Amino acid sequence: MELAYYSDYAVRLVNTEEPARGKDGLTSVEVIRDLFGGASQMARRVTEADLGRFRSIRARLRAVFAAADEGDQTGAVDLLNSLLLEFPVSPQISGHETLDENGLPRWHMHLADHSSNATAGYAAICAMGLAFHLTEFGADRLGLCQAPPCRNAYLDTSTNRSRRYCSDRCATRANVAAYRARKRLEAERAEPTGRTAENSQEATTPADR
């Protein structure tokens, strides 16, 4: 499992909340277990006590994305470093179940789980994944969706660093809204001109014509 893969865990957790709509998807132990994935051993350790802890970690992760989205790279790094210090990881080289064409292991980095509870394990995964993504690709690759009211987190993997939305759906919605706004503005600008021309024609006397 490559370290870049772990950054998706952070996105998954952050996007369980829709702040602008007042919605919170972290409502049960089952929801948290789904974040880990069905095969994860950590998922089996989730208890009711993890609900509040997961919400706290989620807020801290969203703050990392928000700082990066606002161009505050130092702020994003400081927030992420605080998570790394609080939730350290144990990286290990692994090659299980992945063989190359010669039947040899495909060695890769794996994060071992030695955490005291499910929240600490998940937080460690998120922090390490985002740290790897940030240092490898840049802080500007972490963002929040620009299509209001959505503020979902995303990882920009575009070649030209141009991503602004969390999904194609939000991109389409934002483009349609921008198009309608331009049309309204054009109509508002054209309307006074039409009235002025009409009033000018009415004010002209027959002799003038």
C-alpha atoms as a PDB file:
ATOM      1  CA  MET A   1       0.000   0.000   0.000  1.00  0.00           C
ATOM      2  CA  GLU A   2       1.621   3.267  -1.089  1.00  0.00           C
ATOM      3  CA  LEU A   3       1.647   6.236   1.263  1.00  0.00           C
ATOM      4  CA  ALA A   4      -0.238   8.417  -1.242  1.00  0.00           C
ATOM      5  CA  TYR A   5      -3.192   6.097  -0.804  1.00  0.00           C
ATOM      6  CA  TYR A   6      -3.596   7.136   2.826  1.00  0.00           C
ATOM      7  CA  SER A   7      -4.417  10.758   1.930  1.00  0.00           C
ATOM      8  CA  ASP A   8      -7.811   9.566   0.702  1.00  0.00           C
ATOM      9  CA  TYR A   9      -8.689   8.612   4.280  1.00  0.00           C
ATOM     10  CA  ALA A  10      -8.496  12.287   5.258  1.00  0.00           C
ATOM     11  CA  VAL A  11     -10.740  13.343   2.370  1.00  0.00           C
ATOM     12  CA  ARG A  12     -13.273  10.678   3.291  1.00  0.00           C
ATOM     13  CA  LEU A  13     -13.480  11.823   6.892  1.00  0.00           C
ATOM     14  CA  VAL A  14     -13.648  15.563   6.152  1.00  0.00           C
ATOM     15  CA  ASN A  15     -16.436  15.005   3.646  1.00  0.00           C
ATOM     16  CA  THR A  16     -18.716  13.332   6.178  1.00  0.00           C
ATOM     17  CA  GLU A  17     -19.737  16.863   7.149  1.00  0.00           C
ATOM     18  CA  GLU A  18     -21.492  19.598   5.150  1.00  0.00           C
ATOM     19  CA  PRO A  19     -21.022  22.720   7.324  1.00  0.00           C
ATOM     20  CA  ALA A  20     -22.975  25.093   5.078  1.00  0.00           C
ATOM     21  CA  ARG A  21     -25.976  22.763   5.133  1.00  0.00           C
ATOM     22  CA  GLY A  22     -25.646  21.871   8.821  1.00  0.00           C
ATOM     23  CA  LYS A  23     -25.345  18.162   8.019  1.00  0.00           C
ATOM     24  CA  ASP A  24     -23.161  15.657   9.850  1.00  0.00           C
ATOM     25  CA  GLY A  25     -22.740  12.162   8.451  1.00  0.00           C
ATOM     26  CA  LEU A  26     -20.867  10.795  11.477  1.00  0.00           C
ATOM     27  CA  THR A  27     -23.929   9.357  13.162  1.00  0.00           C
ATOM     28  CA  SER A  28     -23.007   5.794  14.082  1.00  0.00           C
ATOM     29  CA  VAL A  29     -20.259   3.254  14.671  1.00  0.00           C
ATOM     30  CA  GLU A  30     -21.118   1.665  11.324  1.00  0.00           C
ATOM     31  CA  VAL A  31     -20.381   4.922   9.471  1.00  0.00           C
ATOM     32  CA  ILE A  32     -16.916   5.101  11.031  1.00  0.00           C
ATOM     33  CA  ARG A  33     -16.212   1.457  10.204  1.00  0.00           C
ATOM     34  CA  ASP A  34     -17.081   2.165   6.578  1.00  0.00           C
ATOM     35  CA  LEU A  35     -14.413   4.885   6.530  1.00  0.00           C
ATOM     36  CA  PHE A  36     -11.770   2.262   7.308  1.00  0.00           C
ATOM     37  CA  GLY A  37     -13.004  -0.179   4.698  1.00  0.00           C
ATOM     38  CA  GLY A  38     -14.507  -3.570   5.358  1.00  0.00           C
ATOM     39  CA  ALA A  39     -11.212  -5.490   5.616  1.00  0.00           C
ATOM     40  CA  SER A  40      -9.503  -3.215   8.136  1.00  0.00           C
ATOM     41  CA  GLN A  41      -8.684  -4.661  11.547  1.00  0.00           C
ATOM     42  CA  MET A  42      -8.931  -1.166  13.065  1.00  0.00           C
ATOM     43  CA  ALA A  43     -12.574  -0.956  11.987  1.00  0.00           C
ATOM     44  CA  ARG A  44     -13.455  -3.776  14.367  1.00  0.00           C
ATOM     45  CA  ARG A  45     -12.139  -1.732  17.294  1.00  0.00           C
ATOM     46  CA  VAL A  46     -14.512   1.217  16.759  1.00  0.00           C
ATOM     47  CA  THR A  47     -16.795   2.005  19.703  1.00  0.00           C
ATOM     48  CA  GLU A  48     -19.375   4.661  20.516  1.00  0.00           C
ATOM     49  CA  ALA A  49     -16.630   6.675  22.231  1.00  0.00           C
ATOM     50  CA  ASP A  50     -14.945   7.175  18.856  1.00  0.00           C
ATOM     51  CA  LEU A  51     -17.817   9.274  17.464  1.00  0.00           C
ATOM     52  CA  GLY A  52     -16.857  12.412  19.360  1.00  0.00           C
ATOM     53  CA  ARG A  53     -13.149  11.815  18.844  1.00  0.00           C
ATOM     54  CA  PHE A  54     -13.608  11.373  15.094  1.00  0.00           C
ATOM     55  CA  ARG A  55     -15.515  14.663  14.880  1.00  0.00           C
ATOM     56  CA  SER A  56     -12.639  16.409  16.640  1.00  0.00           C
ATOM     57  CA  ILE A  57     -10.060  14.964  14.229  1.00  0.00           C
ATOM     58  CA  ARG A  58     -12.321  15.858  11.313  1.00  0.00           C
ATOM     59  CA  ALA A  59     -12.366  19.525  12.350  1.00  0.00           C
ATOM     60  CA  ARG A  60      -8.571  19.581  12.555  1.00  0.00           C
ATOM     61  CA  LEU A  61      -8.201  17.954   9.149  1.00  0.00           C
ATOM     62  CA  ARG A  62     -10.662  20.398   7.579  1.00  0.00           C
ATOM     63  CA  ALA A  63      -8.549  23.226   9.005  1.00  0.00           C
ATOM     64  CA  VAL A  64      -5.540  21.820   7.119  1.00  0.00           C
ATOM     65  CA  PHE A  65      -7.485  21.824   3.847  1.00  0.00           C
ATOM     66  CA  ALA A  66      -8.887  25.299   4.548  1.00  0.00           C
ATOM     67  CA  ALA A  67      -5.437  26.770   5.200  1.00  0.00           C
ATOM     68  CA  ALA A  68      -4.039  25.209   2.022  1.00  0.00           C
ATOM     69  CA  ASP A  69      -7.081  26.375   0.038  1.00  0.00           C
ATOM     70  CA  GLU A  70      -6.523  29.949   1.249  1.00  0.00           C
ATOM     71  CA  GLY A  71      -2.858  29.861   0.226  1.00  0.00           C
ATOM     72  CA  ASP A  72      -1.577  29.666   3.806  1.00  0.00           C
ATOM     73  CA  GLN A  73       0.952  26.894   3.237  1.00  0.00           C
ATOM     74  CA  THR A  74       2.819  27.497   6.502  1.00  0.00           C
ATOM     75  CA  GLY A  75      -0.435  27.324   8.424  1.00  0.00           C
ATOM     76  CA  ALA A  76      -1.389  24.060   6.729  1.00  0.00           C
ATOM     77  CA  VAL A  77       2.010  22.564   7.529  1.00  0.00           C
ATOM     78  CA  ASP A  78       1.863  23.674  11.171  1.00  0.00           C
ATOM     79  CA  LEU A  79      -1.579  22.130  11.618  1.00  0.00           C
ATOM     80  CA  LEU A  80      -0.461  18.920   9.965  1.00  0.00           C
ATOM     81  CA  ASN A  81       2.717  18.747  12.022  1.00  0.00           C
ATOM     82  CA  SER A  82       0.670  18.985  15.219  1.00  0.00           C
ATOM     83  CA  LEU A  83      -1.326  15.948  14.103  1.00  0.00           C
ATOM     84  CA  LEU A  84       1.837  14.036  13.207  1.00  0.00           C
ATOM     85  CA  LEU A  85       3.312  14.722  16.645  1.00  0.00           C
ATOM     86  CA  GLU A  86       0.137  13.700  18.449  1.00  0.00           C
ATOM     87  CA  PHE A  87      -0.515  10.614  16.304  1.00  0.00           C
ATOM     88  CA  PRO A  88       2.832   9.104  15.274  1.00  0.00           C
ATOM     89  CA  VAL A  89       3.032   6.207  12.821  1.00  0.00           C
ATOM     90  CA  SER A  90       5.239   3.169  12.358  1.00  0.00           C
ATOM     91  CA  PRO A  91       6.136   2.776   8.684  1.00  0.00           C
ATOM     92  CA  GLN A  92       7.090  -0.705   7.526  1.00  0.00           C
ATOM     93  CA  ILE A  93       8.202  -2.214   4.228  1.00  0.00           C
ATOM     94  CA  SER A  94       5.615  -4.676   2.992  1.00  0.00           C
ATOM     95  CA  GLY A  95       5.202  -6.928  -0.015  1.00  0.00           C
ATOM     96  CA  HIS A  96       2.308  -9.164   0.902  1.00  0.00           C
ATOM     97  CA  GLU A  97      -0.019 -10.438  -1.822  1.00  0.00           C
ATOM     98  CA  THR A  98       1.625  -8.317  -4.522  1.00  0.00           C
ATOM     99  CA  LEU A  99       4.031 -10.113  -6.831  1.00  0.00           C
ATOM    100  CA  ASP A 100       5.726  -8.831  -9.984  1.00  0.00           C
ATOM    101  CA  GLU A 101       6.115 -10.706 -13.280  1.00  0.00           C
ATOM    102  CA  ASN A 102       9.006 -12.697 -11.792  1.00  0.00           C
ATOM    103  CA  GLY A 103       7.003 -13.788  -8.777  1.00  0.00           C
ATOM    104  CA  LEU A 104       8.886 -11.462  -6.449  1.00  0.00           C
ATOM    105  CA  PRO A 105       7.219  -9.150  -3.901  1.00  0.00           C
ATOM    106  CA  ARG A 106       6.416  -5.598  -4.988  1.00  0.00           C
ATOM    107  CA  TRP A 107       7.920  -3.817  -2.016  1.00  0.00           C
ATOM    108  CA  HIS A 108       6.090  -0.751  -0.773  1.00  0.00           C
ATOM    109  CA  MET A 109       5.635   1.320   2.373  1.00  0.00           C
ATOM    110  CA  HIS A 110       2.877   0.328   4.745  1.00  0.00           C
ATOM    111  CA  LEU A 111       1.712   2.001   7.973  1.00  0.00           C
ATOM    112  CA  ALA A 112       1.553  -0.468  10.834  1.00  0.00           C
ATOM    113  CA  ASP A 113      -1.218  -0.065  13.373  1.00  0.00           C
ATOM    114  CA  HIS A 114      -0.025   0.131  16.977  1.00  0.00           C
ATOM    115  CA  SER A 115      -2.544   2.751  18.104  1.00  0.00           C
ATOM    116  CA  SER A 116      -4.390   2.679  21.408  1.00  0.00           C
ATOM    117  CA  ASN A 117      -7.830   3.155  19.831  1.00  0.00           C
ATOM    118  CA  ALA A 118      -9.540   3.387  16.443  1.00  0.00           C
ATOM    119  CA  THR A 119      -9.503   7.197  16.359  1.00  0.00           C
ATOM    120  CA  ALA A 120      -5.758   7.406  16.984  1.00  0.00           C
ATOM    121  CA  GLY A 121      -5.124   4.841  14.266  1.00  0.00           C
ATOM    122  CA  TYR A 122      -7.275   6.658  11.732  1.00  0.00           C
ATOM    123  CA  ALA A 123      -5.785  10.044  12.618  1.00  0.00           C
ATOM    124  CA  ALA A 124      -2.266   8.691  12.160  1.00  0.00           C
ATOM    125  CA  ILE A 125      -3.167   7.337   8.727  1.00  0.00           C
ATOM    126  CA  CYS A 126      -4.724  10.653   7.662  1.00  0.00           C
ATOM    127  CA  ALA A 127      -1.844  12.772   8.935  1.00  0.00           C
ATOM    128  CA  MET A 128       0.826  10.655   7.282  1.00  0.00           C
ATOM    129  CA  GLY A 129      -1.089  10.435   4.015  1.00  0.00           C
ATOM    130  CA  LEU A 130      -1.617  14.197   3.817  1.00  0.00           C
ATOM    131  CA  ALA A 131       1.986  14.864   4.847  1.00  0.00           C
ATOM    132  CA  PHE A 132       3.237  12.671   2.026  1.00  0.00           C
ATOM    133  CA  HIS A 133       0.854  14.258  -0.479  1.00  0.00           C
ATOM    134  CA  LEU A 134       1.774  17.789   0.592  1.00  0.00           C
ATOM    135  CA  THR A 135       5.536  17.277   0.479  1.00  0.00           C
ATOM    136  CA  GLU A 136       5.432  15.298  -2.744  1.00  0.00           C
ATOM    137  CA  PHE A 137       3.005  17.435  -4.753  1.00  0.00           C
ATOM    138  CA  GLY A 138       2.642  20.767  -2.917  1.00  0.00           C
ATOM    139  CA  ALA A 139       0.247  22.345  -0.425  1.00  0.00           C
ATOM    140  CA  ASP A 140      -1.758  23.874  -3.267  1.00  0.00           C
ATOM    141  CA  ARG A 141      -2.878  20.352  -4.167  1.00  0.00           C
ATOM    142  CA  LEU A 142      -5.171  20.346  -1.120  1.00  0.00           C
ATOM    143  CA  GLY A 143      -8.402  22.254  -1.613  1.00  0.00           C
ATOM    144  CA  LEU A 144     -12.043  22.813  -0.735  1.00  0.00           C
ATOM    145  CA  CYS A 145     -14.783  22.787  -3.362  1.00  0.00           C
ATOM    146  CA  GLN A 146     -15.530  26.250  -4.782  1.00  0.00           C
ATOM    147  CA  ALA A 147     -19.154  25.458  -5.684  1.00  0.00           C
ATOM    148  CA  PRO A 148     -21.275  26.897  -2.844  1.00  0.00           C
ATOM    149  CA  PRO A 149     -22.690  25.628  -0.580  1.00  0.00           C
ATOM    150  CA  CYS A 150     -20.454  22.572  -1.052  1.00  0.00           C
ATOM    151  CA  ARG A 151     -17.119  22.752   0.736  1.00  0.00           C
ATOM    152  CA  ASN A 152     -15.975  19.182   0.300  1.00  0.00           C
ATOM    153  CA  ALA A 153     -12.254  18.498   0.493  1.00  0.00           C
ATOM    154  CA  TYR A 154     -10.353  17.185  -2.519  1.00  0.00           C
ATOM    155  CA  LEU A 155      -6.835  16.332  -3.647  1.00  0.00           C
ATOM    156  CA  ASP A 156      -5.864  18.013  -6.898  1.00  0.00           C
ATOM    157  CA  THR A 157      -4.244  15.467  -9.199  1.00  0.00           C
ATOM    158  CA  SER A 158      -4.645  17.484 -12.405  1.00  0.00           C
ATOM    159  CA  THR A 159      -1.539  18.049 -14.531  1.00  0.00           C
ATOM    160  CA  ASN A 160      -1.893  21.845 -14.491  1.00  0.00           C
ATOM    161  CA  ARG A 161      -3.033  22.307 -10.873  1.00  0.00           C
ATOM    162  CA  SER A 162      -6.376  23.657 -12.084  1.00  0.00           C
ATOM    163  CA  ARG A 163      -8.879  21.689 -10.029  1.00  0.00           C
ATOM    164  CA  ARG A 164     -11.393  23.831  -8.122  1.00  0.00           C
ATOM    165  CA  TYR A 165     -14.276  21.445  -7.462  1.00  0.00           C
ATOM    166  CA  CYS A 166     -14.679  18.168  -5.596  1.00  0.00           C
ATOM    167  CA  SER A 167     -16.604  16.459  -8.407  1.00  0.00           C
ATOM    168  CA  ASP A 168     -17.831  16.823 -11.983  1.00  0.00           C
ATOM    169  CA  ARG A 169     -21.304  17.439 -10.597  1.00  0.00           C
ATOM    170  CA  CYS A 170     -20.170  20.472  -8.606  1.00  0.00           C
ATOM    171  CA  ALA A 171     -18.110  21.754 -11.555  1.00  0.00           C
ATOM    172  CA  THR A 172     -21.144  21.560 -13.844  1.00  0.00           C
ATOM    173  CA  ARG A 173     -23.371  23.230 -11.261  1.00  0.00           C
ATOM    174  CA  ALA A 174     -20.890  26.073 -10.799  1.00  0.00           C
ATOM    175  CA  ASN A 175     -20.484  26.578 -14.552  1.00  0.00           C
ATOM    176  CA  VAL A 176     -24.250  26.702 -15.074  1.00  0.00           C
ATOM    177  CA  ALA A 177     -24.622  29.202 -12.202  1.00  0.00           C
ATOM    178  CA  ALA A 178     -21.838  31.380 -13.651  1.00  0.00           C
ATOM    179  CA  TYR A 179     -23.456  31.267 -17.113  1.00  0.00           C
ATOM    180  CA  ARG A 180     -26.850  32.316 -15.742  1.00  0.00           C
ATOM    181  CA  ALA A 181     -25.236  35.107 -13.730  1.00  0.00           C
ATOM    182  CA  ARG A 182     -23.525  36.448 -16.873  1.00  0.00           C
ATOM    183  CA  LYS A 183     -26.815  36.358 -18.779  1.00  0.00           C
ATOM    184  CA  ARG A 184     -28.607  38.250 -16.001  1.00  0.00           C
ATOM    185  CA  LEU A 185     -25.868  40.873 -15.948  1.00  0.00           C
ATOM    186  CA  GLU A 186     -26.026  41.275 -19.730  1.00  0.00           C
ATOM    187  CA  ALA A 187     -29.795  41.661 -19.552  1.00  0.00           C
ATOM    188  CA  GLU A 188     -29.549  44.253 -16.770  1.00  0.00           C
ATOM    189  CA  ARG A 189     -27.005  46.262 -18.760  1.00  0.00           C
ATOM    190  CA  ALA A 190     -29.088  46.147 -21.926  1.00  0.00           C
ATOM    191  CA  GLU A 191     -32.380  47.100 -20.244  1.00  0.00           C
ATOM    192  CA  PRO A 192     -31.542  50.762 -19.369  1.00  0.00           C
ATOM    193  CA  THR A 193     -30.206  51.307 -22.902  1.00  0.00           C
ATOM    194  CA  GLY A 194     -33.474  50.107 -24.374  1.00  0.00           C
ATOM    195  CA  ARG A 195     -35.513  52.377 -22.128  1.00  0.00           C
ATOM    196  CA  THR A 196     -33.352  55.399 -22.944  1.00  0.00           C
ATOM    197  CA  ALA A 197     -33.784  54.887 -26.667  1.00  0.00           C
ATOM    198  CA  GLU A 198     -37.554  54.506 -26.259  1.00  0.00           C
ATOM    199  CA  ASN A 199     -37.866  57.632 -24.100  1.00  0.00           C
ATOM    200  CA  SER A 200     -35.750  59.636 -26.532  1.00  0.00           C
ATOM    201  CA  GLN A 201     -37.981  58.663 -29.426  1.00  0.00           C
ATOM    202  CA  GLU A 202     -41.150  59.629 -27.500  1.00  0.00           C
ATOM    203  CA  ALA A 203     -39.659  63.047 -26.631  1.00  0.00           C
ATOM    204  CA  THR A 204     -38.949  63.876 -30.284  1.00  0.00           C
ATOM    205  CA  THR A 205     -41.603  66.235 -31.792  1.00  0.00           C
ATOM    206  CA  PRO A 206     -43.218  65.554 -35.200  1.00  0.00           C
ATOM    207  CA  ALA A 207     -41.402  68.622 -36.567  1.00  0.00           C
ATOM    208  CA  ASP A 208     -38.090  67.255 -35.422  1.00  0.00           C
ATOM    209  CA  ARG A 209     -38.841  64.012 -37.227  1.00  0.00           C
END
